[in-house]
């Protein structure tokens, strides 16, 4: 009982901390929530990059963009141990904060990440459960959507190359097992080091 109460208090404290850094917007008709816990990152720059990325999908694959309104209840941008995720319990697409503003990645690559998560959403809506046994199959399905997008969007070559490499990889590399506690600690360590050094808002490279 005490353990459950302590966990609830931790969750409430984390939510209150998040609220201090949260900005809510509507971008191209989609609800967007940015939780910017990094003072070296400009929230307006995050939103502008996200808008550009969504604009690429709207222009080059409008049928996918139209379905985003069914795929996602919200798009979240916040710190996370990989580029993106689909959070089925919230019907939310999560895009990693530092990845969004990292100039080493194009807005086309951000768009490909959101499209990837939309494929997870569509599988979830069809009640095709994501399990350890079929995780690699799910990932390959999502990567194929990235390839189709990368072949039509300007500058899409890195998207296609990365996705093709994943298709040919062993299952354990396509959908690797992740220790999320260790991953979260690495994110915290990177943030702490960035704040101590007054880091430029590039963020770090990460898998996703």
N, C-alpha and C. Protein backbone atom coordinates (compact mmCIF):
# COMPACT_ATOMS: atom_id res chain seq x y z
N UNK A 1 0.83 -1.20 0.00
CA UNK A 1 0.00 0.00 0.00
C UNK A 1 0.86 1.26 0.00
N UNK A 2 1.88 1.29 0.89
CA UNK A 2 2.78 2.43 0.97
C UNK A 2 3.58 2.58 -0.33
N UNK A 3 3.96 1.45 -0.91
CA UNK A 3 4.72 1.51 -2.17
C UNK A 3 3.89 2.12 -3.28
N UNK A 4 2.59 1.74 -3.34
CA UNK A 4 1.70 2.29 -4.38
C UNK A 4 1.49 3.78 -4.16
N UNK A 5 1.35 4.18 -2.89
CA UNK A 5 1.17 5.60 -2.58
C UNK A 5 2.41 6.40 -2.96
N UNK A 6 3.59 5.85 -2.65
CA UNK A 6 4.83 6.53 -3.00
C UNK A 6 4.97 6.69 -4.50
N UNK A 7 4.61 5.63 -5.25
CA UNK A 7 4.68 5.70 -6.70
C UNK A 7 3.71 6.76 -7.23
N UNK A 8 2.52 6.84 -6.66
CA UNK A 8 1.54 7.83 -7.09
C UNK A 8 2.07 9.24 -6.83
N UNK A 9 2.69 9.45 -5.66
CA UNK A 9 3.25 10.76 -5.35
C UNK A 9 4.40 11.11 -6.31
N UNK A 10 5.21 10.12 -6.66
CA UNK A 10 6.28 10.35 -7.64
C UNK A 10 5.70 10.77 -8.98
N UNK A 11 4.65 10.08 -9.42
CA UNK A 11 4.02 10.40 -10.70
C UNK A 11 3.44 11.81 -10.69
N UNK A 12 2.81 12.18 -9.58
CA UNK A 12 2.23 13.52 -9.47
C UNK A 12 3.32 14.59 -9.51
N UNK A 13 4.43 14.31 -8.84
CA UNK A 13 5.54 15.27 -8.83
C UNK A 13 6.14 15.43 -10.22
N UNK A 14 6.29 14.30 -10.93
CA UNK A 14 6.83 14.35 -12.29
C UNK A 14 5.89 15.12 -13.21
N UNK A 15 4.58 14.91 -13.05
CA UNK A 15 3.61 15.60 -13.89
C UNK A 15 3.65 17.11 -13.63
N UNK A 16 3.77 17.48 -12.35
CA UNK A 16 3.84 18.91 -12.01
C UNK A 16 5.10 19.54 -12.58
N UNK A 17 6.21 18.80 -12.54
CA UNK A 17 7.46 19.31 -13.11
C UNK A 17 7.33 19.49 -14.62
N UNK A 18 6.70 18.52 -15.28
CA UNK A 18 6.48 18.61 -16.72
C UNK A 18 5.65 19.83 -17.08
N UNK A 19 4.63 20.11 -16.27
CA UNK A 19 3.72 21.21 -16.57
C UNK A 19 4.46 22.55 -16.65
N UNK A 20 5.53 22.68 -15.89
CA UNK A 20 6.29 23.94 -15.91
C UNK A 20 6.96 24.17 -17.26
N UNK A 21 7.21 23.10 -17.99
CA UNK A 21 7.95 23.20 -19.25
C UNK A 21 7.07 22.93 -20.46
N UNK A 22 5.78 22.83 -20.27
CA UNK A 22 4.89 22.36 -21.33
C UNK A 22 4.27 23.51 -22.11
N UNK A 23 4.31 23.37 -23.44
CA UNK A 23 3.64 24.31 -24.35
C UNK A 23 2.72 23.50 -25.25
N UNK A 24 1.49 23.94 -25.40
CA UNK A 24 0.51 23.25 -26.24
C UNK A 24 0.18 24.12 -27.44
N UNK A 25 0.21 23.52 -28.62
CA UNK A 25 -0.10 24.23 -29.85
C UNK A 25 -0.91 23.33 -30.77
N UNK A 26 -1.46 23.93 -31.80
CA UNK A 26 -2.06 23.17 -32.89
C UNK A 26 -1.20 23.44 -34.12
N UNK A 27 -0.66 22.38 -34.70
CA UNK A 27 0.23 22.50 -35.86
C UNK A 27 -0.40 21.73 -37.02
N UNK A 28 -0.76 22.46 -38.07
CA UNK A 28 -1.42 21.87 -39.24
C UNK A 28 -2.64 21.04 -38.84
N UNK A 29 -3.37 21.57 -37.86
CA UNK A 29 -4.60 20.92 -37.42
C UNK A 29 -4.41 19.81 -36.42
N UNK A 30 -3.18 19.53 -36.02
CA UNK A 30 -2.89 18.44 -35.08
C UNK A 30 -2.48 19.01 -33.72
N UNK A 31 -3.01 18.47 -32.63
CA UNK A 31 -2.61 18.94 -31.29
C UNK A 31 -1.17 18.52 -31.00
N UNK A 32 -0.35 19.47 -30.58
CA UNK A 32 1.05 19.22 -30.29
C UNK A 32 1.34 19.67 -28.87
N UNK A 33 2.05 18.81 -28.13
CA UNK A 33 2.47 19.12 -26.76
C UNK A 33 3.99 19.03 -26.70
N UNK A 34 4.65 20.15 -26.42
CA UNK A 34 6.11 20.17 -26.29
C UNK A 34 6.46 20.28 -24.82
N UNK A 35 7.20 19.30 -24.32
CA UNK A 35 7.71 19.36 -22.95
C UNK A 35 9.21 19.61 -23.05
N UNK A 36 9.58 20.88 -22.95
CA UNK A 36 10.97 21.28 -23.18
C UNK A 36 11.68 21.49 -21.85
N UNK A 37 12.38 20.45 -21.42
CA UNK A 37 13.11 20.50 -20.16
C UNK A 37 14.55 20.95 -20.35
N UNK A 38 14.88 21.39 -21.57
CA UNK A 38 16.24 21.83 -21.87
C UNK A 38 16.25 23.33 -22.16
N UNK A 39 16.80 24.16 -21.24
CA UNK A 39 16.82 25.61 -21.48
C UNK A 39 17.70 26.02 -22.65
N UNK A 40 18.55 25.13 -23.14
CA UNK A 40 19.39 25.45 -24.30
C UNK A 40 18.66 25.19 -25.62
N UNK A 41 17.41 24.76 -25.56
CA UNK A 41 16.61 24.49 -26.76
C UNK A 41 15.45 25.47 -26.82
N UNK A 42 15.26 26.08 -27.98
CA UNK A 42 14.19 27.05 -28.20
C UNK A 42 12.91 26.30 -28.60
N UNK A 43 11.87 26.43 -27.80
CA UNK A 43 10.61 25.74 -28.07
C UNK A 43 10.02 26.15 -29.42
N UNK A 44 10.16 27.42 -29.77
CA UNK A 44 9.63 27.88 -31.05
C UNK A 44 10.35 27.21 -32.22
N UNK A 45 11.63 26.97 -32.04
CA UNK A 45 12.40 26.26 -33.08
C UNK A 45 11.91 24.82 -33.21
N UNK A 46 11.61 24.19 -32.08
CA UNK A 46 11.05 22.83 -32.08
C UNK A 46 9.76 22.80 -32.90
N UNK A 47 8.87 23.73 -32.61
CA UNK A 47 7.57 23.76 -33.29
C UNK A 47 7.74 24.05 -34.78
N UNK A 48 8.66 24.94 -35.12
CA UNK A 48 8.89 25.25 -36.54
C UNK A 48 9.40 24.03 -37.30
N UNK A 49 10.32 23.31 -36.70
CA UNK A 49 10.85 22.10 -37.35
C UNK A 49 9.76 21.03 -37.49
N UNK A 50 8.94 20.91 -36.47
CA UNK A 50 7.85 19.94 -36.53
C UNK A 50 6.86 20.33 -37.62
N UNK A 51 6.57 21.61 -37.73
CA UNK A 51 5.67 22.10 -38.76
C UNK A 51 6.23 21.81 -40.15
N UNK A 52 7.52 22.04 -40.34
CA UNK A 52 8.14 21.74 -41.64
C UNK A 52 8.04 20.26 -41.97
N UNK A 53 8.28 19.41 -40.96
CA UNK A 53 8.23 17.97 -41.17
C UNK A 53 6.82 17.51 -41.55
N UNK A 54 5.83 18.00 -40.84
CA UNK A 54 4.45 17.66 -41.17
C UNK A 54 4.08 18.18 -42.55
N UNK A 55 4.60 19.35 -42.89
CA UNK A 55 4.34 19.91 -44.21
C UNK A 55 4.86 19.04 -45.34
N UNK A 56 6.00 18.37 -45.11
CA UNK A 56 6.54 17.47 -46.13
C UNK A 56 5.62 16.27 -46.35
N UNK A 57 5.09 15.72 -45.26
CA UNK A 57 4.15 14.60 -45.41
C UNK A 57 2.88 15.08 -46.11
N UNK A 58 2.40 16.24 -45.71
CA UNK A 58 1.19 16.80 -46.32
C UNK A 58 1.38 17.01 -47.81
N UNK A 59 2.57 17.42 -48.22
CA UNK A 59 2.82 17.70 -49.64
C UNK A 59 3.09 16.45 -50.46
N UNK A 60 3.93 15.56 -49.93
CA UNK A 60 4.41 14.44 -50.75
C UNK A 60 3.62 13.15 -50.54
N UNK A 61 2.94 13.01 -49.41
CA UNK A 61 2.07 11.85 -49.18
C UNK A 61 0.80 12.31 -48.45
N UNK A 62 -0.01 13.12 -49.11
CA UNK A 62 -1.17 13.71 -48.44
C UNK A 62 -2.15 12.69 -47.88
N UNK A 63 -2.23 11.51 -48.48
CA UNK A 63 -3.15 10.48 -47.97
C UNK A 63 -2.72 10.02 -46.59
N UNK A 64 -1.40 9.93 -46.36
CA UNK A 64 -0.92 9.59 -45.02
C UNK A 64 -1.20 10.74 -44.04
N UNK A 65 -0.96 11.96 -44.49
CA UNK A 65 -1.17 13.10 -43.60
C UNK A 65 -2.63 13.18 -43.15
N UNK A 66 -3.55 12.96 -44.07
CA UNK A 66 -4.97 13.02 -43.71
C UNK A 66 -5.31 11.99 -42.63
N UNK A 67 -4.65 10.85 -42.66
CA UNK A 67 -4.94 9.80 -41.68
C UNK A 67 -4.31 10.08 -40.31
N UNK A 68 -3.36 11.02 -40.25
CA UNK A 68 -2.75 11.35 -38.97
C UNK A 68 -3.79 11.78 -37.94
N UNK A 69 -4.87 12.40 -38.41
CA UNK A 69 -5.91 12.85 -37.48
C UNK A 69 -6.62 11.68 -36.81
N UNK A 70 -6.61 10.52 -37.48
CA UNK A 70 -7.14 9.30 -36.87
C UNK A 70 -6.06 8.53 -36.12
N UNK A 71 -4.83 8.62 -36.61
CA UNK A 71 -3.73 7.87 -36.01
C UNK A 71 -3.40 8.35 -34.61
N UNK A 72 -3.38 9.68 -34.43
CA UNK A 72 -2.86 10.28 -33.20
C UNK A 72 -3.87 11.21 -32.55
N UNK A 73 -4.01 11.09 -31.24
CA UNK A 73 -4.78 12.09 -30.49
C UNK A 73 -3.94 13.34 -30.28
N UNK A 74 -2.61 13.14 -30.13
CA UNK A 74 -1.67 14.25 -29.94
C UNK A 74 -0.30 13.84 -30.46
N UNK A 75 0.51 14.83 -30.76
CA UNK A 75 1.93 14.61 -31.01
C UNK A 75 2.68 15.22 -29.84
N UNK A 76 3.49 14.41 -29.19
CA UNK A 76 4.30 14.88 -28.06
C UNK A 76 5.74 15.04 -28.51
N UNK A 77 6.37 16.10 -28.05
CA UNK A 77 7.82 16.28 -28.24
C UNK A 77 8.43 16.43 -26.86
N UNK A 78 9.30 15.52 -26.51
CA UNK A 78 9.93 15.55 -25.19
C UNK A 78 11.17 14.67 -25.21
N UNK A 79 11.94 14.72 -24.14
CA UNK A 79 13.14 13.87 -24.04
C UNK A 79 12.71 12.40 -23.96
N UNK A 80 13.48 11.56 -24.64
CA UNK A 80 13.15 10.13 -24.72
C UNK A 80 14.41 9.40 -25.17
N UNK A 81 14.55 8.11 -24.85
CA UNK A 81 15.77 7.39 -25.20
C UNK A 81 15.90 6.99 -26.68
N UNK A 82 14.92 7.30 -27.54
CA UNK A 82 15.06 7.01 -28.96
C UNK A 82 14.32 8.08 -29.77
N UNK A 83 14.43 8.03 -31.09
CA UNK A 83 13.89 9.10 -31.94
C UNK A 83 12.39 9.29 -31.81
N UNK A 84 11.67 8.20 -31.66
CA UNK A 84 10.22 8.32 -31.62
C UNK A 84 9.59 7.09 -31.02
N UNK A 85 8.29 7.20 -30.75
CA UNK A 85 7.54 6.06 -30.20
C UNK A 85 6.06 6.31 -30.42
N UNK A 86 5.29 5.21 -30.49
CA UNK A 86 3.84 5.32 -30.47
C UNK A 86 3.37 4.81 -29.12
N UNK A 87 2.68 5.66 -28.37
CA UNK A 87 2.20 5.31 -27.04
C UNK A 87 0.72 4.97 -27.16
N UNK A 88 0.44 3.70 -27.28
CA UNK A 88 -0.91 3.25 -27.62
C UNK A 88 -1.93 3.63 -26.55
N UNK A 89 -1.51 3.65 -25.28
CA UNK A 89 -2.47 3.95 -24.22
C UNK A 89 -2.99 5.38 -24.30
N UNK A 90 -2.21 6.26 -24.96
CA UNK A 90 -2.62 7.66 -25.14
C UNK A 90 -2.94 7.99 -26.60
N UNK A 91 -2.74 7.05 -27.51
CA UNK A 91 -2.84 7.29 -28.95
C UNK A 91 -1.96 8.47 -29.36
N UNK A 92 -0.79 8.53 -28.77
CA UNK A 92 0.11 9.67 -28.97
C UNK A 92 1.35 9.26 -29.74
N UNK A 93 1.76 10.14 -30.65
CA UNK A 93 3.05 10.00 -31.33
C UNK A 93 4.06 10.82 -30.56
N UNK A 94 5.13 10.19 -30.12
CA UNK A 94 6.18 10.89 -29.40
C UNK A 94 7.38 11.08 -30.33
N UNK A 95 7.87 12.31 -30.42
CA UNK A 95 9.08 12.61 -31.17
C UNK A 95 10.09 13.18 -30.19
N UNK A 96 11.32 12.68 -30.24
CA UNK A 96 12.32 13.06 -29.25
C UNK A 96 12.76 14.51 -29.42
N UNK A 97 12.89 15.21 -28.31
CA UNK A 97 13.14 16.65 -28.30
C UNK A 97 14.45 17.03 -29.01
N UNK A 98 15.57 16.44 -28.60
CA UNK A 98 16.85 16.85 -29.17
C UNK A 98 17.01 16.40 -30.62
N UNK A 99 16.41 15.27 -30.95
CA UNK A 99 16.39 14.82 -32.35
C UNK A 99 15.68 15.84 -33.23
N UNK A 100 14.62 16.43 -32.72
CA UNK A 100 13.82 17.38 -33.49
C UNK A 100 14.63 18.61 -33.90
N UNK A 101 15.53 19.06 -33.04
CA UNK A 101 16.28 20.29 -33.34
C UNK A 101 17.72 20.04 -33.78
N UNK A 102 18.14 18.79 -33.81
CA UNK A 102 19.51 18.48 -34.18
C UNK A 102 19.73 18.78 -35.67
N UNK A 103 20.60 19.73 -36.03
CA UNK A 103 20.78 20.08 -37.44
C UNK A 103 21.42 18.97 -38.27
N UNK A 104 21.95 17.93 -37.62
CA UNK A 104 22.48 16.79 -38.36
C UNK A 104 21.36 15.97 -38.99
N UNK A 105 20.12 16.20 -38.54
CA UNK A 105 18.97 15.50 -39.10
C UNK A 105 18.07 16.50 -39.82
N UNK A 106 17.56 16.10 -40.96
CA UNK A 106 16.68 16.97 -41.74
C UNK A 106 15.24 16.85 -41.25
N UNK A 107 14.42 17.81 -41.67
CA UNK A 107 13.00 17.71 -41.32
C UNK A 107 12.35 16.53 -42.02
N UNK A 108 12.93 16.09 -43.15
CA UNK A 108 12.42 14.88 -43.81
C UNK A 108 12.62 13.66 -42.91
N UNK A 109 13.74 13.62 -42.18
CA UNK A 109 13.97 12.50 -41.28
C UNK A 109 13.02 12.54 -40.08
N UNK A 110 12.71 13.74 -39.61
CA UNK A 110 11.70 13.87 -38.55
C UNK A 110 10.35 13.37 -39.06
N UNK A 111 10.02 13.77 -40.29
CA UNK A 111 8.76 13.34 -40.90
C UNK A 111 8.70 11.82 -41.01
N UNK A 112 9.81 11.20 -41.41
CA UNK A 112 9.85 9.74 -41.55
C UNK A 112 9.61 9.06 -40.21
N UNK A 113 10.14 9.64 -39.14
CA UNK A 113 9.91 9.08 -37.81
C UNK A 113 8.43 9.13 -37.45
N UNK A 114 7.78 10.25 -37.71
CA UNK A 114 6.34 10.34 -37.41
C UNK A 114 5.53 9.37 -38.27
N UNK A 115 5.92 9.23 -39.52
CA UNK A 115 5.24 8.29 -40.40
C UNK A 115 5.42 6.86 -39.90
N UNK A 116 6.62 6.54 -39.44
CA UNK A 116 6.90 5.23 -38.85
C UNK A 116 5.94 4.96 -37.68
N UNK A 117 5.79 5.94 -36.79
CA UNK A 117 4.91 5.75 -35.63
C UNK A 117 3.44 5.68 -36.05
N UNK A 118 3.09 6.35 -37.13
CA UNK A 118 1.71 6.25 -37.64
C UNK A 118 1.40 4.82 -38.08
N UNK A 119 2.41 4.13 -38.63
CA UNK A 119 2.19 2.73 -39.03
C UNK A 119 1.94 1.86 -37.80
N UNK A 120 2.67 2.13 -36.71
CA UNK A 120 2.40 1.41 -35.46
C UNK A 120 0.96 1.68 -35.00
N UNK A 121 0.53 2.94 -35.12
CA UNK A 121 -0.83 3.30 -34.71
C UNK A 121 -1.87 2.53 -35.52
N UNK A 122 -1.61 2.39 -36.81
CA UNK A 122 -2.59 1.71 -37.67
C UNK A 122 -2.66 0.22 -37.37
N UNK A 123 -1.51 -0.38 -37.07
CA UNK A 123 -1.52 -1.78 -36.65
C UNK A 123 -2.28 -1.94 -35.34
N UNK A 124 -2.04 -1.01 -34.43
CA UNK A 124 -2.73 -1.05 -33.13
C UNK A 124 -4.23 -0.91 -33.31
N UNK A 125 -4.66 -0.03 -34.21
CA UNK A 125 -6.08 0.18 -34.43
C UNK A 125 -6.74 -1.06 -35.03
N UNK A 126 -5.96 -1.86 -35.75
CA UNK A 126 -6.48 -3.11 -36.30
C UNK A 126 -6.39 -4.26 -35.29
N UNK A 127 -6.00 -3.92 -34.05
CA UNK A 127 -5.88 -4.91 -32.97
C UNK A 127 -4.81 -5.95 -33.28
N UNK A 128 -3.77 -5.54 -34.01
CA UNK A 128 -2.62 -6.41 -34.25
C UNK A 128 -1.61 -6.11 -33.15
N UNK A 129 -1.59 -6.94 -32.16
CA UNK A 129 -0.82 -6.68 -30.94
C UNK A 129 0.68 -6.69 -31.22
N UNK A 130 1.38 -5.75 -30.59
CA UNK A 130 2.84 -5.69 -30.66
C UNK A 130 3.40 -6.52 -29.53
N UNK A 131 4.05 -7.64 -29.86
CA UNK A 131 4.62 -8.54 -28.86
C UNK A 131 6.11 -8.71 -29.13
N UNK A 132 6.79 -9.34 -28.19
CA UNK A 132 8.21 -9.63 -28.37
C UNK A 132 8.41 -10.50 -29.60
N UNK A 133 7.50 -11.44 -29.80
CA UNK A 133 7.64 -12.40 -30.91
C UNK A 133 7.46 -11.74 -32.28
N UNK A 134 6.57 -10.74 -32.39
CA UNK A 134 6.33 -10.15 -33.70
C UNK A 134 6.88 -8.73 -33.85
N UNK A 135 7.70 -8.31 -32.89
CA UNK A 135 8.22 -6.93 -32.90
C UNK A 135 9.00 -6.62 -34.17
N UNK A 136 9.84 -7.55 -34.62
CA UNK A 136 10.64 -7.31 -35.82
C UNK A 136 9.75 -7.19 -37.05
N UNK A 137 8.69 -7.98 -37.10
CA UNK A 137 7.75 -7.89 -38.22
C UNK A 137 7.07 -6.52 -38.25
N UNK A 138 6.68 -6.04 -37.08
CA UNK A 138 6.08 -4.71 -36.98
C UNK A 138 7.05 -3.64 -37.47
N UNK A 139 8.30 -3.75 -37.01
CA UNK A 139 9.29 -2.74 -37.38
C UNK A 139 9.54 -2.72 -38.89
N UNK A 140 9.61 -3.87 -39.50
CA UNK A 140 9.83 -3.92 -40.95
C UNK A 140 8.66 -3.30 -41.70
N UNK A 141 7.45 -3.54 -41.22
CA UNK A 141 6.27 -2.93 -41.82
C UNK A 141 6.39 -1.40 -41.78
N UNK A 142 6.81 -0.88 -40.64
CA UNK A 142 6.95 0.57 -40.49
C UNK A 142 8.10 1.12 -41.34
N UNK A 143 9.19 0.37 -41.44
CA UNK A 143 10.33 0.82 -42.24
C UNK A 143 9.96 0.89 -43.72
N UNK A 144 9.11 0.01 -44.18
CA UNK A 144 8.71 0.06 -45.60
C UNK A 144 7.98 1.37 -45.91
N UNK A 145 7.20 1.85 -44.95
CA UNK A 145 6.55 3.15 -45.14
C UNK A 145 7.58 4.26 -45.21
N UNK A 146 8.63 4.15 -44.42
CA UNK A 146 9.72 5.14 -44.47
C UNK A 146 10.40 5.12 -45.85
N UNK A 147 10.61 3.94 -46.39
CA UNK A 147 11.25 3.82 -47.70
C UNK A 147 10.41 4.49 -48.77
N UNK A 148 9.11 4.22 -48.76
CA UNK A 148 8.22 4.84 -49.76
C UNK A 148 8.28 6.36 -49.66
N UNK A 149 8.28 6.87 -48.43
CA UNK A 149 8.36 8.32 -48.24
C UNK A 149 9.72 8.86 -48.67
N UNK A 150 10.79 8.17 -48.27
CA UNK A 150 12.14 8.63 -48.59
C UNK A 150 12.41 8.68 -50.08
N UNK A 151 11.71 7.87 -50.85
CA UNK A 151 11.92 7.84 -52.30
C UNK A 151 11.21 8.97 -53.03
N UNK A 152 10.30 9.67 -52.35
CA UNK A 152 9.58 10.76 -53.02
C UNK A 152 9.93 12.14 -52.46
N UNK A 153 10.44 12.20 -51.23
CA UNK A 153 10.71 13.49 -50.61
C UNK A 153 12.13 13.94 -50.98
N UNK A 154 12.35 15.21 -51.25
CA UNK A 154 13.72 15.69 -51.52
C UNK A 154 14.65 15.42 -50.34
N UNK A 155 15.86 14.94 -50.65
CA UNK A 155 16.81 14.62 -49.60
C UNK A 155 16.48 13.39 -48.81
N UNK A 156 15.72 12.49 -49.39
CA UNK A 156 15.27 11.30 -48.66
C UNK A 156 16.24 10.14 -48.66
N UNK A 157 17.41 10.31 -49.29
CA UNK A 157 18.36 9.19 -49.40
C UNK A 157 18.76 8.59 -48.04
N UNK A 158 19.07 9.42 -47.01
CA UNK A 158 19.43 8.81 -45.71
C UNK A 158 18.28 8.02 -45.09
N UNK A 159 17.06 8.44 -45.34
CA UNK A 159 15.89 7.72 -44.82
C UNK A 159 15.82 6.33 -45.45
N UNK A 160 15.98 6.28 -46.77
CA UNK A 160 15.90 5.01 -47.50
C UNK A 160 17.04 4.10 -47.09
N UNK A 161 18.25 4.65 -47.01
CA UNK A 161 19.43 3.83 -46.67
C UNK A 161 19.28 3.21 -45.28
N UNK A 162 18.84 3.99 -44.32
CA UNK A 162 18.69 3.48 -42.95
C UNK A 162 17.61 2.42 -42.87
N UNK A 163 16.49 2.67 -43.55
CA UNK A 163 15.38 1.71 -43.50
C UNK A 163 15.74 0.41 -44.21
N UNK A 164 16.42 0.51 -45.36
CA UNK A 164 16.82 -0.70 -46.09
C UNK A 164 17.79 -1.54 -45.27
N UNK A 165 18.71 -0.88 -44.58
CA UNK A 165 19.65 -1.60 -43.73
C UNK A 165 18.93 -2.36 -42.63
N UNK A 166 17.87 -1.76 -42.10
CA UNK A 166 17.09 -2.41 -41.06
C UNK A 166 16.35 -3.63 -41.60
N UNK A 167 15.81 -3.52 -42.82
CA UNK A 167 15.07 -4.65 -43.39
C UNK A 167 15.95 -5.89 -43.53
N UNK A 168 17.23 -5.67 -43.82
CA UNK A 168 18.15 -6.79 -44.04
C UNK A 168 18.80 -7.31 -42.77
N UNK A 169 18.56 -6.63 -41.65
CA UNK A 169 19.22 -7.00 -40.40
C UNK A 169 18.51 -8.18 -39.72
N UNK A 170 19.22 -8.90 -38.84
CA UNK A 170 18.57 -9.96 -38.06
C UNK A 170 17.47 -9.38 -37.16
N UNK A 171 16.51 -10.23 -36.80
CA UNK A 171 15.38 -9.78 -35.99
C UNK A 171 15.82 -9.08 -34.71
N UNK A 172 16.86 -9.62 -34.06
CA UNK A 172 17.29 -9.04 -32.78
C UNK A 172 17.89 -7.64 -32.95
N UNK A 173 18.33 -7.30 -34.16
CA UNK A 173 18.82 -5.95 -34.42
C UNK A 173 17.70 -5.03 -34.90
N UNK A 174 16.72 -5.61 -35.59
CA UNK A 174 15.58 -4.82 -36.05
C UNK A 174 14.76 -4.33 -34.86
N UNK A 175 14.54 -5.20 -33.90
CA UNK A 175 13.76 -4.84 -32.70
C UNK A 175 14.55 -5.26 -31.47
N UNK A 176 15.61 -4.50 -31.14
CA UNK A 176 16.47 -4.90 -30.02
C UNK A 176 15.78 -4.77 -28.68
N UNK A 177 16.19 -5.62 -27.76
CA UNK A 177 15.69 -5.52 -26.39
C UNK A 177 16.37 -4.33 -25.72
N UNK A 178 15.59 -3.47 -25.06
CA UNK A 178 16.12 -2.25 -24.46
C UNK A 178 15.86 -2.27 -22.96
N UNK A 179 16.88 -1.97 -22.19
CA UNK A 179 16.71 -1.75 -20.75
C UNK A 179 16.35 -0.29 -20.58
N UNK A 180 15.05 0.00 -20.40
CA UNK A 180 14.58 1.38 -20.39
C UNK A 180 15.08 2.16 -19.19
N UNK A 181 15.38 1.47 -18.10
CA UNK A 181 15.92 2.18 -16.93
C UNK A 181 17.31 2.71 -17.24
N UNK A 182 18.14 1.87 -17.88
CA UNK A 182 19.48 2.30 -18.26
C UNK A 182 19.40 3.41 -19.31
N UNK A 183 18.49 3.24 -20.28
CA UNK A 183 18.34 4.25 -21.33
C UNK A 183 17.92 5.59 -20.75
N UNK A 184 16.99 5.57 -19.80
CA UNK A 184 16.54 6.82 -19.17
C UNK A 184 17.66 7.48 -18.39
N UNK A 185 18.50 6.66 -17.76
CA UNK A 185 19.62 7.22 -17.00
C UNK A 185 20.62 7.89 -17.94
N UNK A 186 20.82 7.29 -19.12
CA UNK A 186 21.72 7.91 -20.10
C UNK A 186 21.19 9.25 -20.57
N UNK A 187 19.88 9.33 -20.78
CA UNK A 187 19.27 10.61 -21.17
C UNK A 187 19.52 11.65 -20.07
N UNK A 188 19.30 11.26 -18.83
CA UNK A 188 19.50 12.18 -17.70
C UNK A 188 20.96 12.63 -17.62
N UNK A 189 21.89 11.70 -17.85
CA UNK A 189 23.31 12.04 -17.80
C UNK A 189 23.69 13.03 -18.90
N UNK A 190 23.14 12.80 -20.12
CA UNK A 190 23.41 13.70 -21.25
C UNK A 190 22.87 15.10 -20.95
N UNK A 191 21.66 15.16 -20.42
CA UNK A 191 21.06 16.46 -20.10
C UNK A 191 21.86 17.20 -19.04
N UNK A 192 22.27 16.47 -18.03
CA UNK A 192 23.05 17.10 -16.96
C UNK A 192 24.36 17.65 -17.50
N UNK A 193 25.04 16.87 -18.34
CA UNK A 193 26.31 17.31 -18.92
C UNK A 193 26.10 18.51 -19.84
N UNK A 194 25.00 18.49 -20.62
CA UNK A 194 24.72 19.59 -21.53
C UNK A 194 24.48 20.88 -20.77
N UNK A 195 23.74 20.80 -19.68
CA UNK A 195 23.43 21.99 -18.90
C UNK A 195 24.68 22.52 -18.19
N UNK A 196 25.55 21.61 -17.74
CA UNK A 196 26.78 22.03 -17.08
C UNK A 196 27.73 22.74 -18.03
N UNK A 197 27.71 22.32 -19.31
CA UNK A 197 28.61 22.90 -20.31
C UNK A 197 27.98 24.04 -21.09
N UNK A 198 26.69 24.30 -20.84
CA UNK A 198 26.00 25.31 -21.62
C UNK A 198 25.93 24.90 -23.07
N UNK A 199 25.48 23.67 -23.32
CA UNK A 199 25.56 23.06 -24.64
C UNK A 199 24.74 23.79 -25.69
N UNK A 200 25.22 23.74 -26.94
CA UNK A 200 24.47 24.21 -28.11
C UNK A 200 23.30 23.27 -28.34
N UNK A 201 22.13 23.75 -28.80
CA UNK A 201 20.95 22.89 -28.95
C UNK A 201 21.01 21.94 -30.13
N UNK A 202 22.05 21.13 -30.17
CA UNK A 202 22.14 20.13 -31.21
C UNK A 202 21.54 18.82 -30.76
N UNK A 203 21.69 18.53 -29.48
CA UNK A 203 21.23 17.23 -29.00
C UNK A 203 22.20 16.15 -29.44
N UNK A 204 21.96 14.92 -29.00
CA UNK A 204 22.83 13.82 -29.35
C UNK A 204 22.21 12.92 -30.40
N UNK A 205 23.02 12.17 -31.09
CA UNK A 205 22.52 11.16 -32.00
C UNK A 205 21.94 10.01 -31.19
N UNK A 206 20.89 9.44 -31.68
CA UNK A 206 20.30 8.32 -30.95
C UNK A 206 19.53 7.43 -31.92
N UNK A 207 19.35 6.23 -31.51
CA UNK A 207 18.60 5.29 -32.33
C UNK A 207 17.13 5.43 -32.05
N UNK A 208 16.30 5.00 -33.01
CA UNK A 208 14.86 5.03 -32.78
C UNK A 208 14.13 4.46 -33.96
